[in-house]
């Protein structure tokens, strides 16, 4: 662990502890002001003078959201925020000192929140225009009321800078932030049980694995002469412990970030609302509105924090495909990418590419991010073939064996791609990939060619079987 990791961990632990005080504050205005003040203090400590980047981003986006047409404000906000994010990471070329790494984390989550807010405003505007009020069902009216957004500059500032997630995430919508202030759910939830379930027993295990792998198989070893002299199998195998180390580090950070939300009462809703990560309630909006003033019901129903669920380690580790693995990794950011990029991108054919490209830009300007993310579409193309071959039925082999093979292939590809994400610099990445002869890429090209052949054979055989079955039925009828 380096110094930045200790700073990151300190503010995570501080935010978790502060949540015990924060959730007890008596009214919404106190929460709003104190949450923003603490968040501002955290950003100022880690950023110092570079906090000007944060304040400028908030100010300009506030002007866009408040004064530009609601039909286009989301596009303008997106363009400005991502151009500024690129500038923020290249300030050294303009004679401005490079911001600290923690300020980069703040800028990243701030970009999602402000662009996401502009999309919320646009969606609210679209929904109000869809139908006449007289033709809407009670559920639609309640949903529109829940998502109706009336903003001031202070609202935007306090949402942007609230201490919950300001440094570490997860992403949450403005509606989620508003509800944690004005809805009573966090007065009745069993937050202690939620915290216990998220932390134990896995976080201590993740921490132990992280420290062990970081000590035994440091990433920096891949750049040494001694590593080059190792056998090909060892050089290739080395991606497994480094990816394990990478996963454990992310798991710990994202789970602790969720705990900040839970202790602060952010993202809690009744379970019957079928809450989705990043989104919040998806059903029973009328009932949700009606129970807010009924203490007997509020104290008797079950709640969850699925809205701020940011990582599912089991799904990441044991679901057999790249798609499922990604859906369970940094889930609230995946939601943002799906809702703001994938579903809104006008050309369906290029939606996956556009989403991956925006994800790469958001993560950073290092070439490693683009190399890593850029591999994913190719991996998905190959994977889709083999899912049809191995997981759809038992044409070639039992599904259980197909599951094991797909899981192995998924972890192989993720490990290979994640190394570029960790090494960052193109010279280090090419150096390592050259040392293993770009094995995974070549292997996946072979998998694609073989997969196309096997899938064609399978389809032809199924057609033949269908024809034979039909002929047998005809012969039987004739008899």
Protein backbone atom coordinates (compact mmCIF):
# COMPACT_ATOMS: atom_id res chain seq x y z
CA UNK A 1 0.00 0.00 0.00
CA UNK A 2 1.28 3.48 -0.87
CA UNK A 3 0.53 6.78 0.86
CA UNK A 4 -2.47 7.53 -1.38
CA UNK A 5 -4.02 4.22 -0.34
CA UNK A 6 -3.70 5.14 3.33
CA UNK A 7 -5.33 8.53 2.72
CA UNK A 8 -8.14 6.85 0.78
CA UNK A 9 -8.66 4.30 3.56
CA UNK A 10 -8.57 6.99 6.26
CA UNK A 11 -11.38 9.01 4.69
CA UNK A 12 -13.40 5.87 4.08
CA UNK A 13 -13.18 4.91 7.75
CA UNK A 14 -13.83 8.50 8.84
CA UNK A 15 -16.92 8.72 6.62
CA UNK A 16 -18.25 5.43 7.99
CA UNK A 17 -17.83 6.66 11.56
CA UNK A 18 -19.25 10.11 10.82
CA UNK A 19 -22.38 8.47 9.44
CA UNK A 20 -23.44 7.45 12.95
CA UNK A 21 -23.68 11.14 13.84
CA UNK A 22 -25.01 12.24 10.47
CA UNK A 23 -28.01 9.91 10.41
CA UNK A 24 -29.12 11.23 13.80
CA UNK A 25 -29.38 14.85 12.65
CA UNK A 26 -32.94 16.05 13.33
CA UNK A 27 -33.94 17.72 10.06
CA UNK A 28 -33.22 17.79 6.35
CA UNK A 29 -31.64 21.25 6.29
CA UNK A 30 -29.10 20.29 8.95
CA UNK A 31 -28.19 17.17 7.00
CA UNK A 32 -27.91 19.05 3.76
CA UNK A 33 -25.61 21.77 5.16
CA UNK A 34 -23.46 19.57 7.40
CA UNK A 35 -23.13 16.86 4.74
CA UNK A 36 -21.97 19.46 2.22
CA UNK A 37 -19.62 21.12 4.73
CA UNK A 38 -17.91 17.84 5.62
CA UNK A 39 -17.69 16.86 1.96
CA UNK A 40 -16.20 20.25 1.07
CA UNK A 41 -13.66 19.85 3.87
CA UNK A 42 -12.60 16.42 2.59
CA UNK A 43 -12.18 17.74 -0.95
CA UNK A 44 -10.23 20.78 0.31
CA UNK A 45 -7.87 18.61 2.38
CA UNK A 46 -7.02 16.25 -0.47
CA UNK A 47 -7.05 18.90 -3.22
CA UNK A 48 -5.92 22.16 -1.65
CA UNK A 49 -5.85 24.82 -4.40
CA UNK A 50 -6.95 22.25 -7.00
CA UNK A 51 -10.42 22.37 -5.46
CA UNK A 52 -10.97 25.17 -7.99
CA UNK A 53 -11.44 22.45 -10.64
CA UNK A 54 -14.27 20.96 -8.58
CA UNK A 55 -15.94 24.30 -7.93
CA UNK A 56 -15.71 25.35 -11.58
CA UNK A 57 -17.25 22.05 -12.73
CA UNK A 58 -20.15 22.48 -10.30
CA UNK A 59 -20.70 26.12 -11.23
CA UNK A 60 -20.75 25.61 -15.01
CA UNK A 61 -22.96 22.53 -14.80
CA UNK A 62 -25.34 24.38 -12.50
CA UNK A 63 -25.71 27.11 -15.12
CA UNK A 64 -26.31 24.49 -17.82
CA UNK A 65 -28.91 22.59 -15.78
CA UNK A 66 -30.74 25.64 -14.47
CA UNK A 67 -30.75 27.96 -17.50
CA UNK A 68 -30.40 25.86 -20.66
CA UNK A 69 -33.31 24.13 -22.34
CA UNK A 70 -34.30 20.90 -20.61
CA UNK A 71 -34.44 19.28 -24.04
CA UNK A 72 -30.68 19.68 -24.55
CA UNK A 73 -29.12 20.37 -21.16
CA UNK A 74 -28.01 16.73 -20.74
CA UNK A 75 -26.04 16.81 -24.01
CA UNK A 76 -24.39 20.16 -23.18
CA UNK A 77 -23.54 18.97 -19.66
CA UNK A 78 -22.06 15.73 -21.02
CA UNK A 79 -19.89 17.50 -23.61
CA UNK A 80 -18.63 20.13 -21.18
CA UNK A 81 -17.99 17.72 -18.30
CA UNK A 82 -16.01 15.20 -20.32
CA UNK A 83 -14.00 17.83 -22.18
CA UNK A 84 -13.16 19.37 -18.83
CA UNK A 85 -12.31 15.94 -17.41
CA UNK A 86 -9.79 15.46 -20.22
CA UNK A 87 -8.38 18.96 -19.63
CA UNK A 88 -8.20 18.24 -15.90
CA UNK A 89 -5.97 15.24 -16.60
CA UNK A 90 -3.73 17.09 -19.06
CA UNK A 91 -3.24 20.38 -17.21
CA UNK A 92 0.53 19.87 -17.15
CA UNK A 93 0.56 20.54 -20.91
CA UNK A 94 -1.04 23.94 -20.25
CA UNK A 95 1.46 24.97 -17.60
CA UNK A 96 -0.86 24.08 -14.70
CA UNK A 97 0.36 21.62 -12.04
CA UNK A 98 -1.21 18.17 -12.24
CA UNK A 99 -3.93 17.67 -9.59
CA UNK A 100 -3.45 15.11 -6.80
CA UNK A 101 -4.71 11.58 -7.43
CA UNK A 102 -7.52 11.93 -4.89
CA UNK A 103 -8.78 15.05 -6.65
CA UNK A 104 -9.01 12.89 -9.76
CA UNK A 105 -11.32 10.53 -7.86
CA UNK A 106 -13.49 13.47 -6.78
CA UNK A 107 -13.63 14.81 -10.36
CA UNK A 108 -14.58 11.38 -11.70
CA UNK A 109 -17.56 10.82 -9.42
CA UNK A 110 -18.56 14.49 -9.74
CA UNK A 111 -18.70 14.10 -13.53
CA UNK A 112 -21.12 11.19 -13.21
CA UNK A 113 -23.30 12.99 -10.68
CA UNK A 114 -23.64 16.26 -12.60
CA UNK A 115 -24.10 14.69 -16.03
CA UNK A 116 -26.48 12.20 -14.45
CA UNK A 117 -28.43 15.08 -12.88
CA UNK A 118 -28.76 16.74 -16.29
CA UNK A 119 -30.11 13.46 -17.67
CA UNK A 120 -32.55 13.26 -14.74
CA UNK A 121 -33.80 16.75 -15.56
CA UNK A 122 -34.16 15.83 -19.23
CA UNK A 123 -35.97 12.57 -18.41
CA UNK A 124 -38.35 14.40 -16.08
CA UNK A 125 -39.09 16.88 -18.87
CA UNK A 126 -39.72 14.07 -21.39
CA UNK A 127 -42.00 12.15 -19.00
CA UNK A 128 -44.20 15.17 -18.36
CA UNK A 129 -44.73 15.53 -22.11
CA UNK A 130 -45.54 11.89 -22.85
CA UNK A 131 -49.22 11.79 -21.89
CA UNK A 132 -51.99 14.06 -20.80
CA UNK A 133 -52.41 13.99 -17.03
CA UNK A 134 -55.96 12.68 -17.46
CA UNK A 135 -54.69 9.59 -19.33
CA UNK A 136 -51.98 8.67 -16.82
CA UNK A 137 -52.50 5.92 -14.29
CA UNK A 138 -52.11 6.63 -10.57
CA UNK A 139 -48.83 4.70 -10.64
CA UNK A 140 -47.49 6.85 -13.51
CA UNK A 141 -48.54 10.05 -11.74
CA UNK A 142 -46.84 8.92 -8.52
CA UNK A 143 -43.70 7.97 -10.44
CA UNK A 144 -43.60 11.36 -12.17
CA UNK A 145 -44.07 13.13 -8.85
CA UNK A 146 -41.23 11.10 -7.35
CA UNK A 147 -38.90 12.03 -10.20
CA UNK A 148 -40.06 15.61 -10.66
CA UNK A 149 -37.02 17.79 -10.05
CA UNK A 150 -37.17 21.43 -8.96
CA UNK A 151 -33.62 22.67 -8.41
CA UNK A 152 -31.73 25.65 -7.06
CA UNK A 153 -28.00 26.32 -7.24
CA UNK A 154 -27.66 25.38 -3.56
CA UNK A 155 -29.41 22.05 -4.20
CA UNK A 156 -26.94 21.19 -6.94
CA UNK A 157 -23.94 22.28 -4.88
CA UNK A 158 -24.96 20.29 -1.78
CA UNK A 159 -25.71 17.18 -3.86
CA UNK A 160 -22.39 17.45 -5.68
CA UNK A 161 -20.24 17.92 -2.60
CA UNK A 162 -22.04 15.80 0.04
CA UNK A 163 -19.50 13.74 1.95
CA UNK A 164 -21.21 10.44 1.09
CA UNK A 165 -19.33 9.17 -1.94
CA UNK A 166 -17.57 12.46 -2.66
CA UNK A 167 -14.19 10.73 -2.78
CA UNK A 168 -15.03 7.09 -3.27
CA UNK A 169 -18.48 6.74 -4.83
CA UNK A 170 -20.81 4.98 -5.34
CA UNK A 171 -22.79 6.96 -7.88
CA UNK A 172 -26.31 7.83 -6.74
CA UNK A 173 -28.96 9.96 -8.43
CA UNK A 174 -30.16 13.32 -7.18
CA UNK A 175 -33.52 11.69 -6.41
CA UNK A 176 -31.75 9.25 -4.07
CA UNK A 177 -29.97 12.15 -2.38
CA UNK A 178 -33.25 14.07 -2.04
CA UNK A 179 -35.05 11.06 -0.56
CA UNK A 180 -32.37 10.47 2.06
CA UNK A 181 -33.03 14.03 3.25
CA UNK A 182 -36.81 14.18 3.10
CA UNK A 183 -38.07 10.59 3.27
CA UNK A 184 -38.25 8.87 6.71
CA UNK A 185 -36.94 5.44 5.70
CA UNK A 186 -33.49 5.77 7.29
CA UNK A 187 -35.13 6.21 10.70
CA UNK A 188 -36.55 2.69 10.57
CA UNK A 189 -33.99 0.55 8.71
CA UNK A 190 -31.85 -2.10 10.38
CA UNK A 191 -28.56 -0.55 9.29
CA UNK A 192 -26.47 -2.50 11.82
CA UNK A 193 -27.51 -5.81 10.31
CA UNK A 194 -26.83 -4.47 6.79
CA UNK A 195 -23.33 -3.34 7.76
CA UNK A 196 -22.58 -6.67 9.39
CA UNK A 197 -23.67 -8.61 6.31
CA UNK A 198 -21.55 -6.48 3.99
CA UNK A 199 -18.40 -6.50 6.09
CA UNK A 200 -18.31 -9.99 7.57
CA UNK A 201 -16.75 -12.37 6.95
CA UNK A 202 -15.46 -11.39 3.52
CA UNK A 203 -13.79 -7.98 3.91
CA UNK A 204 -11.16 -9.30 6.39
CA UNK A 205 -10.54 -12.22 4.01
CA UNK A 206 -10.23 -9.86 1.04
CA UNK A 207 -7.80 -7.69 3.03
CA UNK A 208 -5.63 -10.69 3.94
CA UNK A 209 -5.54 -11.91 0.32
CA UNK A 210 -4.71 -8.40 -0.91
CA UNK A 211 -1.78 -7.96 1.49
CA UNK A 212 -0.45 -11.45 0.77
CA UNK A 213 -0.58 -11.15 -3.03
CA UNK A 214 0.81 -7.61 -2.93
CA UNK A 215 3.80 -8.91 -0.95
CA UNK A 216 4.45 -12.12 -2.90
CA UNK A 217 3.59 -11.02 -6.44
CA UNK A 218 4.03 -7.24 -6.80
CA UNK A 219 2.97 -5.74 -10.11
CA UNK A 220 6.27 -3.88 -10.43
CA UNK A 221 8.08 -7.22 -10.82
CA UNK A 222 6.78 -7.51 -14.40
CA UNK A 223 9.11 -4.67 -15.46
CA UNK A 224 12.30 -6.26 -14.12
CA UNK A 225 15.04 -8.10 -16.01
CA UNK A 226 14.64 -11.05 -13.66
CA UNK A 227 11.01 -11.40 -14.75
CA UNK A 228 12.07 -11.52 -18.42
CA UNK A 229 14.36 -14.43 -17.63
CA UNK A 230 11.52 -16.48 -16.17
CA UNK A 231 9.82 -19.17 -18.24
CA UNK A 232 6.92 -18.34 -20.55
CA UNK A 233 4.49 -20.26 -18.34
CA UNK A 234 5.53 -18.32 -15.25
CA UNK A 235 5.33 -14.97 -17.06
CA UNK A 236 1.88 -15.83 -18.31
CA UNK A 237 0.71 -17.30 -14.99
CA UNK A 238 1.74 -14.08 -13.24
CA UNK A 239 -1.44 -12.33 -14.44
CA UNK A 240 -3.47 -14.55 -12.11
CA UNK A 241 -2.10 -13.35 -8.75
CA UNK A 242 -1.87 -9.74 -9.96
CA UNK A 243 -5.50 -9.80 -11.07
CA UNK A 244 -6.47 -11.43 -7.78
CA UNK A 245 -4.70 -8.58 -5.97
CA UNK A 246 -6.49 -6.04 -8.18
CA UNK A 247 -9.90 -7.59 -7.46
CA UNK A 248 -9.38 -7.72 -3.72
CA UNK A 249 -8.36 -4.06 -3.63
CA UNK A 250 -11.46 -3.02 -5.57
CA UNK A 251 -13.76 -5.24 -3.50
CA UNK A 252 -12.55 -3.68 -0.27
CA UNK A 253 -12.88 -0.11 -1.53
CA UNK A 254 -16.34 -0.57 -3.04
CA UNK A 255 -17.77 -2.45 -0.06
CA UNK A 256 -16.48 0.17 2.38
CA UNK A 257 -17.98 2.85 0.12
CA UNK A 258 -21.34 1.11 0.39
CA UNK A 259 -20.95 1.12 4.16
CA UNK A 260 -20.53 4.91 4.07
CA UNK A 261 -23.92 5.10 2.36
CA UNK A 262 -25.56 2.70 4.81
CA UNK A 263 -24.31 4.53 7.91
CA UNK A 264 -25.36 7.84 6.35
CA UNK A 265 -28.83 6.54 5.45
CA UNK A 266 -28.27 7.06 1.72
CA UNK A 267 -30.16 4.78 -0.68
CA UNK A 268 -32.50 2.97 1.72
CA UNK A 269 -35.99 2.13 0.44
CA UNK A 270 -38.66 -0.45 1.26
CA UNK A 271 -37.86 -3.82 -0.25
CA UNK A 272 -41.27 -4.03 -1.96
CA UNK A 273 -40.18 -1.23 -4.35
CA UNK A 274 -37.88 -3.69 -6.20
CA UNK A 275 -34.93 -1.30 -5.92
CA UNK A 276 -32.21 -1.41 -8.57
CA UNK A 277 -28.55 -0.39 -8.07
CA UNK A 278 -28.05 3.24 -9.10
CA UNK A 279 -31.72 3.68 -9.94
CA UNK A 280 -33.71 3.14 -6.75
CA UNK A 281 -37.41 2.16 -6.64
CA UNK A 282 -38.92 0.69 -9.79
CA UNK A 283 -42.40 -0.36 -8.57
CA UNK A 284 -45.24 0.57 -6.19
CA UNK A 285 -44.74 4.33 -6.29
CA UNK A 286 -48.24 5.04 -4.99
CA UNK A 287 -47.71 2.78 -1.99
CA UNK A 288 -44.27 4.32 -1.42
CA UNK A 289 -45.84 7.78 -1.24
CA UNK A 290 -48.71 6.68 1.00
CA UNK A 291 -46.65 5.02 3.73
CA UNK A 292 -44.36 7.99 4.38
CA UNK A 293 -46.67 9.36 7.09
CA UNK A 294 -47.66 6.02 8.63
CA UNK A 295 -45.24 5.12 11.43
CA UNK A 296 -46.86 1.75 12.08
CA UNK A 297 -46.21 0.60 8.51
CA UNK A 298 -42.77 2.23 8.37
CA UNK A 299 -41.65 0.39 11.48
CA UNK A 300 -42.94 -2.99 10.32
CA UNK A 301 -41.75 -3.29 6.71
CA UNK A 302 -38.41 -4.53 5.44
CA UNK A 303 -35.81 -2.20 3.87
CA UNK A 304 -32.68 -2.65 1.80
CA UNK A 305 -29.80 -0.62 0.39
CA UNK A 306 -29.78 -2.20 -3.03
CA UNK A 307 -29.87 1.28 -4.60
CA UNK A 308 -26.23 1.79 -3.58
CA UNK A 309 -25.10 -1.81 -4.14
CA UNK A 310 -21.82 -1.31 -5.95
CA UNK A 311 -20.19 -4.73 -6.11
CA UNK A 312 -21.30 -8.34 -6.06
CA UNK A 313 -18.12 -10.37 -5.49
CA UNK A 314 -19.91 -13.68 -5.94
CA UNK A 315 -21.27 -12.64 -9.33
CA UNK A 316 -17.92 -11.26 -10.42
CA UNK A 317 -16.08 -14.40 -9.39
CA UNK A 318 -18.49 -17.20 -10.28
CA UNK A 319 -20.84 -16.06 -13.06
CA UNK A 320 -19.38 -17.65 -16.20
CA UNK A 321 -19.39 -14.81 -18.74
CA UNK A 322 -17.72 -11.45 -19.26
CA UNK A 323 -21.11 -9.73 -19.53
CA UNK A 324 -22.30 -11.08 -16.19
CA UNK A 325 -18.97 -10.29 -14.58
CA UNK A 326 -19.10 -6.67 -15.74
CA UNK A 327 -22.73 -6.27 -14.62
CA UNK A 328 -21.68 -7.19 -11.09
CA UNK A 329 -18.60 -4.93 -11.03
CA UNK A 330 -18.88 -1.26 -10.04
CA UNK A 331 -22.63 -1.69 -10.50
CA UNK A 332 -23.80 1.89 -10.02
CA UNK A 333 -21.32 3.13 -12.62
CA UNK A 334 -22.54 0.37 -14.94
CA UNK A 335 -26.06 1.73 -14.38
CA UNK A 336 -24.92 5.25 -15.29
CA UNK A 337 -23.22 4.00 -18.45
CA UNK A 338 -26.31 1.99 -19.42
CA UNK A 339 -28.83 4.79 -18.84
CA UNK A 340 -26.83 7.80 -20.03
CA UNK A 341 -24.80 6.27 -22.87
CA UNK A 342 -25.94 2.85 -24.04
CA UNK A 343 -29.70 3.45 -24.07
CA UNK A 344 -29.41 7.06 -25.27
CA UNK A 345 -26.85 6.55 -28.04
CA UNK A 346 -28.72 7.06 -31.34
CA UNK A 347 -26.99 4.33 -33.38
CA UNK A 348 -27.74 0.88 -31.96
CA UNK A 349 -24.98 -0.81 -33.92
CA UNK A 350 -22.31 1.25 -32.13
CA UNK A 351 -23.81 1.39 -28.64
CA UNK A 352 -21.38 -1.08 -27.10
CA UNK A 353 -18.38 0.68 -28.63
CA UNK A 354 -19.64 4.11 -27.51
CA UNK A 355 -20.23 2.86 -23.98
CA UNK A 356 -16.77 1.30 -23.75
CA UNK A 357 -15.16 4.43 -25.18
CA UNK A 358 -16.88 6.72 -22.65
CA UNK A 359 -15.90 4.30 -19.89
CA UNK A 360 -12.28 4.53 -21.01
CA UNK A 361 -12.35 8.34 -21.13
CA UNK A 362 -13.96 8.47 -17.70
CA UNK A 363 -11.34 6.20 -16.16
CA UNK A 364 -8.46 8.31 -17.39
CA UNK A 365 -6.16 9.39 -20.19
CA UNK A 366 -3.64 6.60 -19.63
CA UNK A 367 -3.34 4.33 -22.63
CA UNK A 368 -3.79 1.31 -20.36
CA UNK A 369 -7.44 2.18 -19.79
CA UNK A 370 -8.18 2.27 -23.51
CA UNK A 371 -6.22 -0.91 -24.22
CA UNK A 372 -7.99 -2.75 -21.41
CA UNK A 373 -11.48 -1.49 -22.20
CA UNK A 374 -10.85 -1.81 -25.94
CA UNK A 375 -10.28 -5.55 -25.60
CA UNK A 376 -13.72 -6.13 -24.11
CA UNK A 377 -15.84 -5.89 -27.32
CA UNK A 378 -13.60 -8.48 -29.00
CA UNK A 379 -13.90 -10.73 -25.94
CA UNK A 380 -17.68 -10.36 -25.99
CA UNK A 381 -17.89 -11.33 -29.68
CA UNK A 382 -15.95 -14.54 -29.05
CA UNK A 383 -17.81 -15.24 -25.82
CA UNK A 384 -21.23 -14.93 -27.49
CA UNK A 385 -20.27 -17.75 -29.86
CA UNK A 386 -19.15 -20.06 -27.08
CA UNK A 387 -22.16 -19.31 -24.89
CA UNK A 388 -24.33 -20.72 -27.69
CA UNK A 389 -22.02 -23.71 -28.01
CA UNK A 390 -21.51 -24.58 -24.34
CA UNK A 391 -24.27 -23.03 -22.23
CA UNK A 392 -27.44 -23.04 -24.35
CA UNK A 393 -27.82 -26.82 -24.35
CA UNK A 394 -25.83 -30.03 -23.98
CA UNK A 395 -25.20 -30.61 -27.68
CA UNK A 396 -21.42 -30.91 -27.30
CA UNK A 397 -20.99 -31.54 -23.58
CA UNK A 398 -22.83 -31.35 -20.22
CA UNK A 399 -23.72 -27.81 -19.15
CA UNK A 400 -21.75 -28.16 -15.92
CA UNK A 401 -18.56 -28.79 -17.87
CA UNK A 402 -19.46 -25.93 -20.23
CA UNK A 403 -19.87 -23.66 -17.20
CA UNK A 404 -16.39 -24.54 -15.92
CA UNK A 405 -14.83 -23.89 -19.34
CA UNK A 406 -16.62 -20.54 -19.75
CA UNK A 407 -15.66 -19.45 -16.23
CA UNK A 408 -12.02 -20.31 -16.93
CA UNK A 409 -12.07 -18.39 -20.22
CA UNK A 410 -13.71 -15.39 -18.55
CA UNK A 411 -11.07 -15.17 -15.82
CA UNK A 412 -8.29 -15.67 -18.38
CA UNK A 413 -9.49 -12.77 -20.49
CA UNK A 414 -10.22 -10.47 -17.54
CA UNK A 415 -6.79 -11.18 -16.04
CA UNK A 416 -5.05 -10.37 -19.33
CA UNK A 417 -7.05 -7.16 -19.91
CA UNK A 418 -6.79 -6.01 -16.28
CA UNK A 419 -3.01 -6.02 -16.44
CA UNK A 420 -3.13 -3.17 -18.96
CA UNK A 421 -5.53 -1.37 -16.64
CA UNK A 422 -3.01 -1.72 -13.79
CA UNK A 423 0.22 -0.98 -15.69
CA UNK A 424 -1.29 2.17 -17.29
CA UNK A 425 1.66 3.14 -19.50
CA UNK A 426 1.81 1.78 -23.03
CA UNK A 427 5.54 0.94 -22.89
CA UNK A 428 5.05 -1.24 -19.78
CA UNK A 429 1.96 -2.86 -21.26
CA UNK A 430 3.62 -3.71 -24.59
CA UNK A 431 6.69 -4.93 -22.72
CA UNK A 432 4.61 -7.44 -20.77
CA UNK A 433 2.38 -8.51 -23.68
CA UNK A 434 5.47 -9.05 -25.83
CA UNK A 435 6.92 -11.24 -23.08
CA UNK A 436 3.90 -13.59 -23.36
CA UNK A 437 3.68 -13.25 -27.16
CA UNK A 438 0.19 -11.71 -27.01
CA UNK A 439 -1.00 -15.21 -26.25
CA UNK A 440 -4.58 -14.47 -25.18
CA UNK A 441 -5.37 -12.40 -28.27
CA UNK A 442 -4.05 -15.12 -30.57
CA UNK A 443 -5.87 -17.77 -28.56
CA UNK A 444 -9.16 -15.87 -28.80
CA UNK A 445 -8.76 -15.49 -32.57
CA UNK A 446 -8.45 -19.28 -32.76
CA UNK A 447 -11.45 -19.63 -30.44
CA UNK A 448 -13.46 -17.40 -32.76
CA UNK A 449 -12.59 -19.43 -35.87
CA UNK A 450 -13.24 -22.76 -34.15
CA UNK A 451 -16.40 -21.41 -32.51
CA UNK A 452 -17.87 -20.30 -35.85
CA UNK A 453 -17.21 -23.77 -37.27
CA UNK A 454 -18.68 -25.64 -34.28
CA UNK A 455 -21.73 -23.39 -34.15
CA UNK A 456 -22.35 -23.91 -37.87
CA UNK A 457 -22.06 -27.69 -37.43
CA UNK A 458 -24.41 -27.57 -34.46
CA UNK A 459 -27.05 -25.61 -36.36
CA UNK A 460 -26.81 -27.88 -39.38
CA UNK A 461 -27.17 -30.96 -37.19
CA UNK A 462 -30.17 -29.48 -35.37
CA UNK A 463 -31.82 -28.71 -38.72
CA UNK A 464 -31.15 -32.27 -39.89
CA UNK A 465 -32.61 -33.69 -36.68
CA UNK A 466 -35.67 -31.48 -37.06
CA UNK A 467 -36.18 -32.64 -40.66
CA UNK A 468 -35.78 -36.29 -39.65
CA UNK A 469 -38.29 -35.87 -36.83
CA UNK A 470 -40.76 -34.20 -39.20
CA UNK A 471 -40.34 -36.98 -41.78
CA UNK A 472 -40.89 -39.63 -39.12
CA UNK A 473 -44.11 -37.91 -38.05
CA UNK A 474 -45.31 -37.77 -41.66
CA UNK A 475 -44.52 -41.47 -42.15
CA UNK A 476 -46.35 -42.31 -38.94
CA UNK A 477 -49.44 -40.34 -40.04
CA UNK A 478 -49.42 -42.07 -43.43
CA UNK A 479 -49.44 -45.47 -41.74
